[in-house]
Amino acid sequence: MLAAGIILAIMIIPIISSITREVLMVVPQHQREAALALGATRWEMIRISVLRNARRELWAASSWDWDAL
């Protein structure tokens, strides 16, 4: 039973990474550029602008992994 859970967890990784990539690309480019224009570093722009706007969808994508286990 443990082996089946591990295999399912590994099989779901490409799906989660694909969903995550799509969610991060949906954040509008002008919001990224606005954060950089206000003096944010690249990491601050990702943390504040991109991740904050994509939080709900990222949580939904990561919940797929818990359902697989």
N, C-alpha and C. Protein backbone atom coordinates (compact mmCIF):
# COMPACT_ATOMS: atom_id res chain seq x y z
N MET A 1 0.81 -1.19 0.00
CA MET A 1 0.00 0.00 0.00
C MET A 1 0.86 1.26 0.00
N LEU A 2 1.96 1.22 0.74
CA LEU A 2 2.87 2.36 0.78
C LEU A 2 3.49 2.60 -0.59
N ALA A 3 3.85 1.51 -1.27
CA ALA A 3 4.45 1.65 -2.60
C ALA A 3 3.47 2.29 -3.59
N ALA A 4 2.21 1.92 -3.50
CA ALA A 4 1.20 2.50 -4.39
C ALA A 4 1.06 4.00 -4.13
N GLY A 5 1.09 4.39 -2.87
CA GLY A 5 1.01 5.82 -2.55
C GLY A 5 2.20 6.59 -3.07
N ILE A 6 3.38 6.01 -2.96
CA ILE A 6 4.59 6.67 -3.46
C ILE A 6 4.55 6.80 -4.97
N ILE A 7 4.11 5.75 -5.64
CA ILE A 7 4.02 5.79 -7.10
C ILE A 7 3.01 6.84 -7.55
N LEU A 8 1.87 6.91 -6.90
CA LEU A 8 0.88 7.93 -7.25
C LEU A 8 1.40 9.34 -6.99
N ALA A 9 2.13 9.51 -5.90
CA ALA A 9 2.70 10.82 -5.61
C ALA A 9 3.70 11.24 -6.68
N ILE A 10 4.49 10.31 -7.15
CA ILE A 10 5.47 10.61 -8.20
C ILE A 10 4.77 10.88 -9.53
N MET A 11 3.70 10.15 -9.80
CA MET A 11 2.99 10.33 -11.07
C MET A 11 2.26 11.67 -11.15
N ILE A 12 1.88 12.23 -10.01
CA ILE A 12 1.13 13.47 -10.01
C ILE A 12 2.03 14.70 -10.12
N ILE A 13 3.33 14.55 -9.90
CA ILE A 13 4.27 15.68 -9.93
C ILE A 13 4.24 16.43 -11.27
N PRO A 14 4.26 15.76 -12.43
CA PRO A 14 4.21 16.53 -13.68
C PRO A 14 2.92 17.33 -13.84
N ILE A 15 1.82 16.81 -13.35
CA ILE A 15 0.55 17.53 -13.45
C ILE A 15 0.59 18.78 -12.59
N ILE A 16 1.07 18.64 -11.38
CA ILE A 16 1.14 19.78 -10.47
C ILE A 16 2.10 20.84 -11.00
N SER A 17 3.25 20.41 -11.51
CA SER A 17 4.21 21.40 -12.02
C SER A 17 3.66 22.11 -13.26
N SER A 18 2.91 21.40 -14.09
CA SER A 18 2.31 22.04 -15.26
C SER A 18 1.26 23.06 -14.85
N ILE A 19 0.41 22.70 -13.90
CA ILE A 19 -0.61 23.63 -13.42
C ILE A 19 0.05 24.85 -12.77
N THR A 20 1.09 24.61 -11.98
CA THR A 20 1.78 25.71 -11.32
C THR A 20 2.41 26.66 -12.33
N ARG A 21 3.03 26.11 -13.36
CA ARG A 21 3.64 26.95 -14.39
C ARG A 21 2.59 27.80 -15.08
N GLU A 22 1.44 27.22 -15.40
CA GLU A 22 0.37 27.96 -16.05
C GLU A 22 -0.18 29.07 -15.15
N VAL A 23 -0.34 28.75 -13.86
CA VAL A 23 -0.86 29.75 -12.92
C VAL A 23 0.09 30.93 -12.80
N LEU A 24 1.38 30.66 -12.75
CA LEU A 24 2.35 31.75 -12.62
C LEU A 24 2.43 32.59 -13.89
N MET A 25 2.15 32.01 -15.03
CA MET A 25 2.18 32.77 -16.28
C MET A 25 0.93 33.63 -16.47
N VAL A 26 -0.14 33.34 -15.71
CA VAL A 26 -1.38 34.09 -15.84
C VAL A 26 -1.28 35.47 -15.19
N VAL A 27 -0.39 35.64 -14.24
CA VAL A 27 -0.23 36.94 -13.58
C VAL A 27 0.19 37.96 -14.64
N PRO A 28 -0.54 39.05 -14.76
CA PRO A 28 -0.26 40.03 -15.82
C PRO A 28 1.16 40.60 -15.77
N GLN A 29 1.71 40.79 -16.94
CA GLN A 29 3.06 41.31 -17.06
C GLN A 29 3.17 42.73 -16.51
N HIS A 30 2.11 43.51 -16.64
CA HIS A 30 2.19 44.90 -16.15
C HIS A 30 2.31 44.95 -14.62
N GLN A 31 1.79 43.96 -13.92
CA GLN A 31 1.96 43.94 -12.46
C GLN A 31 3.41 43.63 -12.10
N ARG A 32 4.03 42.75 -12.85
CA ARG A 32 5.45 42.46 -12.62
C ARG A 32 6.30 43.69 -12.89
N GLU A 33 6.04 44.34 -14.01
CA GLU A 33 6.80 45.52 -14.38
C GLU A 33 6.57 46.67 -13.39
N ALA A 34 5.35 46.78 -12.87
CA ALA A 34 5.05 47.84 -11.90
C ALA A 34 5.85 47.63 -10.61
N ALA A 35 5.95 46.38 -10.16
CA ALA A 35 6.72 46.10 -8.95
C ALA A 35 8.19 46.43 -9.16
N LEU A 36 8.72 46.09 -10.32
CA LEU A 36 10.12 46.40 -10.61
C LEU A 36 10.33 47.90 -10.74
N ALA A 37 9.34 48.60 -11.31
CA ALA A 37 9.46 50.05 -11.48
C ALA A 37 9.45 50.77 -10.14
N LEU A 38 8.81 50.18 -9.14
CA LEU A 38 8.76 50.79 -7.81
C LEU A 38 10.00 50.48 -6.99
N GLY A 39 10.95 49.78 -7.58
CA GLY A 39 12.22 49.55 -6.91
C GLY A 39 12.36 48.18 -6.26
N ALA A 40 11.44 47.28 -6.51
CA ALA A 40 11.54 45.94 -5.93
C ALA A 40 12.61 45.14 -6.67
N THR A 41 13.29 44.30 -5.94
CA THR A 41 14.23 43.39 -6.59
C THR A 41 13.44 42.30 -7.29
N ARG A 42 14.13 41.48 -8.04
CA ARG A 42 13.43 40.41 -8.76
C ARG A 42 12.75 39.45 -7.78
N TRP A 43 13.44 39.09 -6.71
CA TRP A 43 12.85 38.18 -5.73
C TRP A 43 11.65 38.82 -5.04
N GLU A 44 11.74 40.11 -4.72
CA GLU A 44 10.61 40.80 -4.09
C GLU A 44 9.42 40.86 -5.04
N MET A 45 9.70 41.07 -6.32
CA MET A 45 8.63 41.10 -7.31
C MET A 45 7.93 39.75 -7.38
N ILE A 46 8.70 38.68 -7.36
CA ILE A 46 8.10 37.34 -7.41
C ILE A 46 7.29 37.09 -6.15
N ARG A 47 7.87 37.41 -5.01
CA ARG A 47 7.22 37.12 -3.73
C ARG A 47 5.97 37.97 -3.52
N ILE A 48 6.07 39.25 -3.83
CA ILE A 48 4.96 40.17 -3.53
C ILE A 48 3.92 40.17 -4.65
N SER A 49 4.35 40.30 -5.87
CA SER A 49 3.41 40.48 -6.97
C SER A 49 2.90 39.15 -7.51
N VAL A 50 3.80 38.26 -7.86
CA VAL A 50 3.39 37.04 -8.55
C VAL A 50 2.76 36.04 -7.58
N LEU A 51 3.46 35.70 -6.52
CA LEU A 51 2.95 34.67 -5.61
C LEU A 51 1.70 35.12 -4.88
N ARG A 52 1.63 36.40 -4.53
CA ARG A 52 0.45 36.88 -3.83
C ARG A 52 -0.78 36.82 -4.73
N ASN A 53 -0.63 37.10 -6.01
CA ASN A 53 -1.77 37.06 -6.92
C ASN A 53 -2.15 35.64 -7.33
N ALA A 54 -1.21 34.71 -7.27
CA ALA A 54 -1.48 33.34 -7.70
C ALA A 54 -1.67 32.39 -6.53
N ARG A 55 -1.80 32.92 -5.34
CA ARG A 55 -1.84 32.08 -4.13
C ARG A 55 -2.98 31.06 -4.15
N ARG A 56 -4.18 31.49 -4.48
CA ARG A 56 -5.34 30.60 -4.44
C ARG A 56 -5.20 29.45 -5.44
N GLU A 57 -4.75 29.76 -6.65
CA GLU A 57 -4.60 28.72 -7.66
C GLU A 57 -3.46 27.77 -7.32
N LEU A 58 -2.39 28.31 -6.72
CA LEU A 58 -1.29 27.44 -6.31
C LEU A 58 -1.73 26.49 -5.19
N TRP A 59 -2.56 26.97 -4.30
CA TRP A 59 -3.07 26.11 -3.24
C TRP A 59 -3.93 25.00 -3.84
N ALA A 60 -4.74 25.32 -4.84
CA ALA A 60 -5.57 24.31 -5.49
C ALA A 60 -4.70 23.28 -6.21
N ALA A 61 -3.63 23.74 -6.84
CA ALA A 61 -2.74 22.81 -7.54
C ALA A 61 -2.03 21.90 -6.56
N SER A 62 -1.62 22.42 -5.41
CA SER A 62 -0.92 21.58 -4.44
C SER A 62 -1.87 20.64 -3.73
N SER A 63 -3.15 20.97 -3.68
CA SER A 63 -4.09 20.06 -3.02
C SER A 63 -4.31 18.80 -3.84
N TRP A 64 -4.02 18.84 -5.12
CA TRP A 64 -4.08 17.62 -5.95
C TRP A 64 -3.13 16.58 -5.42
N ASP A 65 -1.98 17.01 -4.97
CA ASP A 65 -0.98 16.08 -4.46
C ASP A 65 -1.47 15.38 -3.21
N TRP A 66 -2.15 16.10 -2.33
CA TRP A 66 -2.65 15.47 -1.10
C TRP A 66 -3.77 14.49 -1.41
N ASP A 67 -4.57 14.77 -2.44
CA ASP A 67 -5.63 13.84 -2.81
C ASP A 67 -5.07 12.53 -3.35
N ALA A 68 -3.91 12.61 -4.00
CA ALA A 68 -3.31 11.41 -4.57
C ALA A 68 -2.81 10.47 -3.49
N LEU A 69 -2.40 11.03 -2.36
CA LEU A 69 -1.90 10.18 -1.28
C LEU A 69 -3.07 9.64 -0.53
